Amino acid sequence: MITRQRLAAGVCALLAALTAGIAFPAGAVADETAAQAAPKVELVLDVSGSMRANDIDGGSRMAAAKQAFNEVLDATPEEVQLGIRTLGANYRGNDRKTGCKDTAQLYPVGTLDRTEAKTAVATLTPTGWTPIGPALLKAAADLDGGDGTRRIVLISDGEDTCQPLDPCEVAREIAAKGVGLTIDTLGLVPDAKTRDQLSCIADATGGTYTSVQHKEELTDRVGQLVDRAADPVATPVAVEGADACAKAPALKSGLYTDREEFAQHRWYRVDVEPGKELRASVSVAADRTVNPDYGVLLRAVTVHGREIVRGEAAGNGRTDVISTGLRYPKAESDDEDAAAETVCLQVSNSFSAASGVKTTPGMPLELTVDVVDGPDQAGDVASFGLGRGWWLLGTLVVIGFLAGVLWGWISRLRIAVWRTN
């Protein structure tokens, strides 16, 4: 009995290992252009009245921000085009409508003149309101155009004071445009409401939120984010999936971004030539509060609707991004003129919005498609997602069965001998 239990456990463990090895293939690499466009960064600084507070290393928040800016400007890589935008820097009055328009570009995005930029920063004095939403919209427009990396770094010490233009919704709208723009946020006050708002802004665009309480932390973090913009990256291409394969956009190898609403199905098409292998993976980010227990499904089907292979993953509310992938090799053909096969990729999710949460725009979706040279014997791979593992699994099942029968026969024989004695 113990031997049989161990055999069963070994078979289950092997099955789990084989499934894991096939279900999560190596990530596909998107096509990259030989010459990357110049990366662009805009620093967006809160210059509202609350920045006068003296609670950062014995000095004011404004002084800490100025020092950080000066040091970052000195260290900015030559290839980075940098600009500076302010919010709440010019209007001192009490008219809310006017105060919520108070955002201006202090230094235009372009080749950096360090002396000129430092001089502009030195003139800043904490003044007015906190129109974060309007400032983000203007900053996105400042960075519009070009194919290089685009990043907004927002430094603020409080919540937006210009509702109902929710800055979190503004960030989602920016992300929904598929422009590949990332917003990173830094909070100068460890306040729960401020943290939640700045975190939401960052999450909506795939950025990061950092709470900062010291001068050196602020300088180091801003410098890291500016340097990160200079790192070579593959910029996702905005694409709009269809509700049926027949109307789906045709994709080639690359990295794509889209938006998918709750419980929605999105379709895309990829042509796979004989002897090639399709590798696809998808990630869906919960950029707002969702109910626990959800999943993402990626299916490869023929144009006639027959499923070829699938990848799926489930979550329980403990992660903000859920991913899955699949592989499909197209066997070689004896016909040199054999046409490519059109494979339909279906992405669906089982997310549901929490009470009171907006369902539009859809959640960020990132799809990686790669068509590479296939294995020598394509027909042996992706058989029910286990490839050649089926042969080994079948052999182990037969061996386990025979071992069980043999052990049962031996046990009965021993019992018979014992009774006879």
Protein backbone atom coordinates (compact mmCIF):
# COMPACT_ATOMS: atom_id res chain seq x y z
CA MET A 1 0.00 0.00 0.00
CA ILE A 2 2.81 2.40 0.93
CA THR A 3 4.66 1.60 -2.29
CA ARG A 4 1.58 2.36 -4.36
CA GLN A 5 1.06 5.66 -2.57
CA ARG A 6 4.65 6.66 -3.30
CA LEU A 7 4.30 5.74 -6.95
CA ALA A 8 1.12 7.81 -7.21
CA ALA A 9 2.81 10.77 -5.53
CA GLY A 10 5.77 10.51 -7.93
CA VAL A 11 3.49 10.49 -10.98
CA CYS A 12 1.57 13.55 -9.70
CA ALA A 13 4.80 15.44 -9.00
CA LEU A 14 6.13 14.67 -12.47
CA LEU A 15 2.83 15.75 -14.05
CA ALA A 16 2.96 19.06 -12.17
CA ALA A 17 6.55 19.68 -13.27
CA LEU A 18 5.80 18.89 -16.91
CA THR A 19 2.73 21.12 -16.91
CA ALA A 20 4.61 24.02 -15.34
CA GLY A 21 7.45 23.73 -17.82
CA ILE A 22 5.15 23.98 -20.82
CA ALA A 23 2.55 26.40 -19.47
CA PHE A 24 5.05 29.17 -18.77
CA PRO A 25 7.36 29.42 -21.77
CA ALA A 26 10.25 31.82 -22.06
CA GLY A 27 9.03 35.34 -22.67
CA ALA A 28 8.91 36.45 -26.24
CA VAL A 29 11.13 39.32 -27.20
CA ALA A 30 9.59 42.19 -29.08
CA ASP A 31 11.16 43.65 -32.19
CA GLU A 32 13.31 46.64 -31.42
CA THR A 33 14.35 49.34 -33.82
CA ALA A 34 18.06 49.75 -34.39
CA ALA A 35 18.00 53.43 -33.44
CA GLN A 36 16.03 54.35 -30.33
CA ALA A 37 14.34 57.75 -30.21
CA ALA A 38 15.53 60.14 -27.52
CA PRO A 39 13.85 59.43 -24.16
CA LYS A 40 11.73 62.24 -22.70
CA VAL A 41 11.11 63.02 -19.03
CA GLU A 42 9.04 65.75 -17.43
CA LEU A 43 9.38 66.51 -13.74
CA VAL A 44 6.06 67.76 -12.35
CA LEU A 45 6.48 69.62 -9.06
CA ASP A 46 3.77 70.55 -6.57
CA VAL A 47 4.38 74.20 -5.59
CA SER A 48 1.16 74.62 -3.57
CA GLY A 49 1.10 76.49 -0.27
CA SER A 50 1.57 73.33 1.79
CA MET A 51 5.11 72.97 0.40
CA ARG A 52 6.15 75.67 2.91
CA ALA A 53 5.94 73.15 5.78
CA ASN A 54 9.28 72.61 7.55
CA ASP A 55 9.25 68.87 8.16
CA ILE A 56 11.97 67.42 5.93
CA ASP A 57 15.31 67.25 7.73
CA GLY A 58 14.63 70.55 9.47
CA GLY A 59 13.91 72.43 6.26
CA SER A 60 10.91 73.12 4.07
CA ARG A 61 9.53 70.65 1.56
CA MET A 62 10.17 73.21 -1.17
CA ALA A 63 13.84 73.52 -0.22
CA ALA A 64 14.23 69.73 -0.33
CA ALA A 65 12.61 69.61 -3.76
CA LYS A 66 14.87 72.40 -5.11
CA GLN A 67 17.98 70.67 -3.83
CA ALA A 68 16.88 67.38 -5.39
CA PHE A 69 16.16 69.07 -8.71
CA ASN A 70 19.57 70.78 -8.81
CA GLU A 71 21.44 67.55 -8.12
CA VAL A 72 19.34 65.59 -10.61
CA LEU A 73 19.88 68.22 -13.31
CA ASP A 74 23.64 67.88 -12.85
CA ALA A 75 23.44 64.09 -13.25
CA THR A 76 20.88 63.86 -16.09
CA PRO A 77 22.24 61.73 -18.98
CA GLU A 78 23.04 63.71 -22.13
CA GLU A 79 20.63 61.66 -24.28
CA VAL A 80 17.59 62.43 -22.08
CA GLN A 81 15.33 65.31 -23.10
CA LEU A 82 14.07 66.81 -19.84
CA GLY A 83 11.39 69.35 -18.96
CA ILE A 84 9.88 70.79 -15.78
CA ARG A 85 6.21 71.59 -15.11
CA THR A 86 4.72 73.14 -11.99
CA LEU A 87 1.30 73.05 -10.38
CA GLY A 88 0.04 75.66 -7.94
CA ALA A 89 2.99 77.99 -8.52
CA ASN A 90 1.40 81.22 -9.77
CA TYR A 91 -2.10 81.90 -8.42
CA ARG A 92 -2.39 83.11 -4.81
CA GLY A 93 -6.13 83.81 -4.73
CA ASN A 94 -9.13 81.87 -3.42
CA ASP A 95 -11.04 81.39 -6.66
CA ARG A 96 -11.18 77.63 -7.12
CA LYS A 97 -11.85 77.74 -10.85
CA THR A 98 -8.77 79.86 -11.47
CA GLY A 99 -6.63 77.93 -9.00
CA CYS A 100 -7.41 74.64 -10.70
CA LYS A 101 -5.95 75.95 -13.97
CA ASP A 102 -2.68 76.91 -12.30
CA THR A 103 -0.17 74.68 -14.07
CA ALA A 104 2.66 75.92 -16.27
CA GLN A 105 5.70 74.55 -18.05
CA LEU A 106 8.69 75.99 -16.22
CA TYR A 107 11.26 74.51 -18.60
CA PRO A 108 10.33 72.97 -21.99
CA VAL A 109 11.08 69.33 -22.78
CA GLY A 110 14.22 69.22 -24.87
CA THR A 111 18.00 69.27 -24.77
CA LEU A 112 18.94 70.26 -21.24
CA ASP A 113 20.63 73.57 -20.44
CA ARG A 114 21.52 72.88 -16.81
CA THR A 115 22.19 76.50 -15.86
CA GLU A 116 18.94 77.76 -17.35
CA ALA A 117 16.91 74.96 -15.74
CA LYS A 118 18.46 75.58 -12.30
CA THR A 119 17.75 79.30 -12.58
CA ALA A 120 14.11 78.56 -13.35
CA VAL A 121 13.81 76.22 -10.34
CA ALA A 122 15.37 78.82 -8.02
CA THR A 123 12.49 81.23 -8.69
CA LEU A 124 9.81 78.90 -7.31
CA THR A 125 7.86 79.88 -4.20
CA PRO A 126 5.04 77.82 -2.60
CA THR A 127 1.84 79.58 -3.61
CA GLY A 128 -1.54 78.08 -4.39
CA TRP A 129 -3.76 75.12 -5.14
CA THR A 130 -2.98 71.47 -6.00
CA PRO A 131 -4.38 70.79 -9.50
CA ILE A 132 -2.74 67.38 -10.05
CA GLY A 133 -5.24 66.18 -12.66
CA PRO A 134 -4.90 69.23 -14.96
CA ALA A 135 -1.11 69.14 -14.56
CA LEU A 136 -0.95 65.50 -15.66
CA LEU A 137 -3.04 66.23 -18.74
CA LYS A 138 -0.74 69.10 -19.70
CA ALA A 139 2.38 67.03 -18.97
CA ALA A 140 1.14 64.23 -21.23
CA ALA A 141 0.67 66.81 -24.00
CA ASP A 142 4.20 68.14 -23.36
CA LEU A 143 5.59 64.67 -24.03
CA ASP A 144 3.35 63.90 -26.99
CA GLY A 145 5.02 62.73 -30.18
CA GLY A 146 7.98 60.47 -30.86
CA ASP A 147 8.56 56.79 -30.22
CA GLY A 148 11.07 56.94 -27.37
CA THR A 149 10.51 56.33 -23.67
CA ARG A 150 8.24 58.92 -22.04
CA ARG A 151 8.04 59.35 -18.29
CA ILE A 152 6.36 61.79 -15.92
CA VAL A 153 7.80 62.09 -12.41
CA LEU A 154 5.26 63.72 -10.08
CA ILE A 155 6.41 65.10 -6.71
CA SER A 156 3.58 66.17 -4.41
CA ASP A 157 2.81 66.58 -0.71
CA GLY A 158 -0.95 66.36 -0.74
CA GLU A 159 -4.19 65.34 -2.41
CA ASP A 160 -5.56 66.99 -5.50
CA THR A 161 -7.78 69.97 -4.57
CA CYS A 162 -9.55 70.20 -7.92
CA GLN A 163 -12.08 67.37 -7.84
CA PRO A 164 -14.20 66.12 -9.58
CA LEU A 165 -11.36 65.88 -12.10
CA ASP A 166 -9.97 62.79 -10.38
CA PRO A 167 -6.21 62.51 -11.13
CA CYS A 168 -6.47 58.72 -10.91
CA GLU A 169 -9.09 58.74 -13.68
CA VAL A 170 -6.88 61.13 -15.66
CA ALA A 171 -3.99 58.65 -15.39
CA ARG A 172 -6.26 55.84 -16.61
CA GLU A 173 -7.35 57.91 -19.57
CA ILE A 174 -3.71 58.61 -20.44
CA ALA A 175 -2.91 54.90 -20.22
CA ALA A 176 -5.98 54.01 -22.29
CA LYS A 177 -4.58 56.02 -25.21
CA GLY A 178 -1.81 53.45 -25.49
CA VAL A 179 0.93 56.07 -25.80
CA GLY A 180 3.43 54.14 -23.67
CA LEU A 181 3.73 56.91 -21.09
CA THR A 182 4.65 56.01 -17.50
CA ILE A 183 3.84 58.14 -14.46
CA ASP A 184 5.96 57.70 -11.32
CA THR A 185 4.87 59.46 -8.14
CA LEU A 186 6.71 60.56 -5.00
CA GLY A 187 4.84 61.56 -1.85
CA LEU A 188 6.46 63.93 0.64
CA VAL A 189 3.90 63.26 3.40
CA PRO A 190 3.17 59.79 4.85
CA ASP A 191 -0.57 60.46 4.75
CA ALA A 192 -2.93 57.59 3.89
CA LYS A 193 -5.15 59.57 1.50
CA THR A 194 -2.18 61.08 -0.31
CA ARG A 195 -0.53 57.67 -0.55
CA ASP A 196 -3.67 56.06 -1.96
CA GLN A 197 -4.13 58.74 -4.61
CA LEU A 198 -0.50 58.82 -5.73
CA SER A 199 -0.35 55.01 -5.76
CA CYS A 200 -3.45 54.85 -7.92
CA ILE A 201 -1.95 57.33 -10.42
CA ALA A 202 1.23 55.28 -10.69
CA ASP A 203 -0.54 51.91 -10.92
CA ALA A 204 -2.75 53.10 -13.76
CA THR A 205 0.27 53.60 -16.04
CA GLY A 206 2.58 50.88 -14.77
CA GLY A 207 4.66 53.33 -12.74
CA THR A 208 5.87 53.31 -9.16
CA TYR A 209 4.95 55.17 -5.97
CA THR A 210 7.55 56.09 -3.35
CA SER A 211 7.06 57.73 0.03
CA VAL A 212 9.92 60.15 0.75
CA GLN A 213 10.71 61.80 4.08
CA HIS A 214 14.37 62.84 3.68
CA LYS A 215 16.34 65.00 1.24
CA GLU A 216 18.73 62.26 0.17
CA GLU A 217 15.84 59.85 -0.49
CA LEU A 218 14.15 62.40 -2.72
CA THR A 219 17.32 63.16 -4.67
CA ASP A 220 18.21 59.49 -5.12
CA ARG A 221 14.73 58.44 -6.21
CA VAL A 222 14.23 61.25 -8.75
CA GLY A 223 17.70 60.54 -10.15
CA GLN A 224 16.90 56.83 -10.50
CA LEU A 225 13.69 57.53 -12.39
CA VAL A 226 15.39 59.97 -14.79
CA ASP A 227 18.19 57.47 -15.43
CA ARG A 228 15.64 54.72 -15.99
CA ALA A 229 14.17 56.67 -18.88
CA ALA A 230 17.51 56.36 -20.68
CA ASP A 231 17.49 52.55 -20.45
CA PRO A 232 16.62 50.89 -23.79
CA VAL A 233 13.12 49.43 -23.72
CA ALA A 234 10.67 47.98 -26.19
CA THR A 235 7.79 50.43 -26.49
CA PRO A 236 4.41 48.65 -26.77
CA VAL A 237 2.35 49.32 -29.88
CA ALA A 238 -1.24 50.35 -29.23
CA VAL A 239 -3.71 47.93 -30.81
CA GLU A 240 -7.46 47.45 -30.51
CA GLY A 241 -8.69 43.87 -30.31
CA ALA A 242 -12.01 42.89 -31.87
CA ASP A 243 -15.01 40.98 -30.55
CA ALA A 244 -14.53 38.22 -33.16
CA CYS A 245 -11.60 36.63 -34.94
CA ALA A 246 -12.88 37.62 -38.39
CA LYS A 247 -12.60 41.31 -37.43
CA ALA A 248 -9.41 41.01 -35.37
CA PRO A 249 -6.23 42.96 -36.21
CA ALA A 250 -3.34 41.00 -37.73
CA LEU A 251 -0.26 41.06 -35.48
CA LYS A 252 3.39 40.29 -36.15
CA SER A 253 6.13 39.59 -33.62
CA GLY A 254 6.17 42.44 -31.12
CA LEU A 255 4.84 43.94 -27.91
CA TYR A 256 1.29 45.31 -27.90
CA THR A 257 -0.93 47.15 -25.46
CA ASP A 258 -4.71 47.27 -25.32
CA ARG A 259 -7.58 47.80 -22.86
CA GLU A 260 -10.01 45.07 -21.86
CA GLU A 261 -13.21 45.67 -19.95
CA PHE A 262 -14.43 43.41 -17.17
CA ALA A 263 -15.33 39.89 -18.39
CA GLN A 264 -14.66 40.97 -21.98
CA HIS A 265 -13.23 38.88 -24.85
CA ARG A 266 -10.62 40.39 -27.18
CA TRP A 267 -9.47 38.74 -30.42
CA TYR A 268 -6.24 39.08 -32.43
CA ARG A 269 -4.83 37.20 -35.43
CA VAL A 270 -1.32 35.88 -36.12
CA ASP A 271 -0.08 34.10 -39.26
CA VAL A 272 2.16 31.09 -38.53
CA GLU A 273 4.12 29.61 -41.42
CA PRO A 274 4.99 25.90 -41.61
CA GLY A 275 8.07 25.13 -39.53
CA LYS A 276 7.49 28.13 -37.25
CA GLU A 277 6.35 28.28 -33.63
CA LEU A 278 3.98 30.85 -32.16
CA ARG A 279 4.76 31.98 -28.62
CA ALA A 280 2.30 34.34 -27.01
CA SER A 281 1.83 35.69 -23.50
CA VAL A 282 -0.60 38.16 -21.98
CA SER A 283 -0.70 40.20 -18.78
CA VAL A 284 -3.77 42.00 -17.44
CA ALA A 285 -3.34 44.57 -14.66
CA ALA A 286 -6.02 45.34 -12.08
CA ASP A 287 -5.50 49.11 -11.97
CA ARG A 288 -8.48 49.60 -9.64
CA THR A 289 -10.20 47.76 -6.79
CA VAL A 290 -11.57 44.41 -7.96
CA ASN A 291 -13.31 41.53 -6.25
CA PRO A 292 -11.12 38.56 -5.23
CA ASP A 293 -10.99 35.33 -7.23
CA TYR A 294 -10.37 36.12 -10.88
CA GLY A 295 -8.60 34.64 -13.87
CA VAL A 296 -7.15 35.29 -17.31
CA LEU A 297 -7.45 32.95 -20.28
CA LEU A 298 -5.39 32.99 -23.49
CA ARG A 299 -6.60 30.65 -26.25
CA ALA A 300 -5.20 29.83 -29.68
CA VAL A 301 -7.94 28.63 -32.03
CA THR A 302 -8.32 28.03 -35.74
CA VAL A 303 -10.36 30.36 -37.92
CA HIS A 304 -13.10 27.71 -37.74
CA GLY A 305 -13.23 27.90 -33.94
CA ARG A 306 -11.36 24.71 -33.00
CA GLU A 307 -9.16 25.22 -29.95
CA ILE A 308 -5.48 24.42 -30.51
CA VAL A 309 -3.94 25.17 -27.13
CA ARG A 310 -4.63 27.40 -24.16
CA GLY A 311 -2.93 29.07 -21.22
CA GLU A 312 -4.73 30.19 -18.08
CA ALA A 313 -3.96 31.65 -14.68
CA ALA A 314 -6.01 32.49 -11.60
CA GLY A 315 -5.64 35.01 -8.78
CA ASN A 316 -7.22 35.63 -5.42
CA GLY A 317 -6.73 39.36 -4.91
CA ARG A 318 -3.15 39.19 -3.67
CA THR A 319 -1.55 40.43 -6.90
CA ASP A 320 -2.28 43.35 -9.21
CA VAL A 321 -1.08 41.68 -12.43
CA ILE A 322 -1.93 38.21 -13.70
CA SER A 323 -0.19 36.59 -16.67
CA THR A 324 -0.30 33.45 -18.77
CA GLY A 325 1.11 32.17 -22.07
CA LEU A 326 1.05 29.45 -24.71
CA ARG A 327 3.09 27.85 -27.50
CA TYR A 328 1.94 26.48 -30.83
CA PRO A 329 4.39 24.93 -33.35
CA LYS A 330 3.26 24.59 -36.96
CA ALA A 331 4.61 21.39 -38.50
CA GLU A 332 6.81 21.51 -41.59
CA SER A 333 5.09 20.95 -44.94
CA ASP A 334 6.31 18.99 -47.95
CA ASP A 335 4.75 21.67 -50.13
CA GLU A 336 7.19 24.55 -50.49
CA ASP A 337 4.31 26.87 -51.39
CA ALA A 338 2.19 25.93 -48.38
CA ALA A 339 0.34 28.92 -47.01
CA ALA A 340 0.69 30.21 -43.47
CA GLU A 341 -1.99 29.25 -40.97
CA THR A 342 -4.02 32.04 -39.41
CA VAL A 343 -4.20 31.51 -35.66
CA CYS A 344 -6.78 33.42 -33.65
CA LEU A 345 -5.72 34.53 -30.18
CA GLN A 346 -8.51 35.12 -27.68
CA VAL A 347 -7.88 36.99 -24.42
CA SER A 348 -10.62 36.89 -21.79
CA ASN A 349 -10.82 37.64 -18.09
CA SER A 350 -13.09 36.98 -15.14
CA PHE A 351 -12.38 40.19 -13.20
CA SER A 352 -15.33 41.95 -11.58
CA ALA A 353 -15.35 45.50 -10.27
CA ALA A 354 -15.81 46.17 -6.58
CA SER A 355 -18.85 48.18 -5.50
CA GLY A 356 -18.74 51.79 -6.68
CA VAL A 357 -15.70 51.27 -8.95
CA LYS A 358 -15.86 52.55 -12.52
CA THR A 359 -15.61 49.88 -15.21
CA THR A 360 -14.33 52.18 -17.98
CA PRO A 361 -11.81 52.54 -19.43
CA GLY A 362 -10.88 48.89 -19.50
CA MET A 363 -7.96 47.37 -17.62
CA PRO A 364 -4.46 47.56 -19.14
CA LEU A 365 -3.59 44.53 -21.25
CA GLU A 366 -0.11 43.75 -22.58
CA LEU A 367 0.29 41.10 -25.26
CA THR A 368 3.60 39.68 -26.44
CA VAL A 369 3.69 37.82 -29.76
CA ASP A 370 6.74 36.03 -31.13
CA VAL A 371 6.97 33.75 -34.16
CA VAL A 372 10.24 31.81 -34.14
CA ASP A 373 11.78 28.76 -35.81
CA GLY A 374 9.94 25.67 -34.63
CA PRO A 375 11.36 22.47 -33.10
CA ASP A 376 12.60 19.63 -35.29
CA GLN A 377 9.40 17.64 -34.78
CA ALA A 378 6.70 20.21 -34.27
CA GLY A 379 3.98 17.59 -34.02
CA ASP A 380 5.49 16.26 -30.80
CA VAL A 381 5.11 19.60 -29.01
CA ALA A 382 2.02 21.21 -27.48
CA SER A 383 0.06 17.97 -27.41
CA PHE A 384 -2.53 18.96 -24.81
CA GLY A 385 0.13 21.37 -23.52
CA LEU A 386 2.49 18.58 -22.39
CA GLY A 387 4.52 17.84 -25.51
CA ARG A 388 6.60 14.66 -25.29
CA GLY A 389 5.77 14.49 -21.60
CA TRP A 390 2.71 12.46 -22.57
CA TRP A 391 4.93 9.54 -23.59
CA LEU A 392 6.82 9.58 -20.31
CA LEU A 393 3.63 10.09 -18.33
CA GLY A 394 1.94 7.19 -20.12
CA THR A 395 4.95 4.94 -19.49
CA LEU A 396 4.93 5.80 -15.79
CA VAL A 397 1.20 5.14 -15.56
CA VAL A 398 1.64 1.68 -17.12
CA ILE A 399 4.62 0.91 -14.86
CA GLY A 400 2.64 2.09 -11.83
CA PHE A 401 -0.32 -0.07 -12.80
CA LEU A 402 1.84 -3.18 -13.32
CA ALA A 403 3.70 -2.51 -10.07
CA GLY A 404 0.39 -2.21 -8.26
CA VAL A 405 -0.89 -5.49 -9.71
CA LEU A 406 2.39 -7.24 -8.88
CA TRP A 407 2.39 -5.91 -5.32
CA GLY A 408 -1.23 -6.97 -4.86
CA TRP A 409 -0.44 -10.49 -6.11
CA ILE A 410 2.60 -10.76 -3.79
CA SER A 411 0.54 -9.50 -0.84
CA ARG A 412 -2.20 -12.07 -1.47
CA LEU A 413 0.41 -14.80 -1.78
CA ARG A 414 2.02 -13.82 1.54
CA ILE A 415 -1.37 -13.77 3.25
CA ALA A 416 -2.20 -17.22 1.84
CA VAL A 417 1.14 -18.61 3.06
CA TRP A 418 0.58 -17.07 6.49
CA ARG A 419 -2.89 -18.64 6.77
CA THR A 420 -1.52 -22.00 5.70
CA ASN A 421 1.19 -21.89 8.38
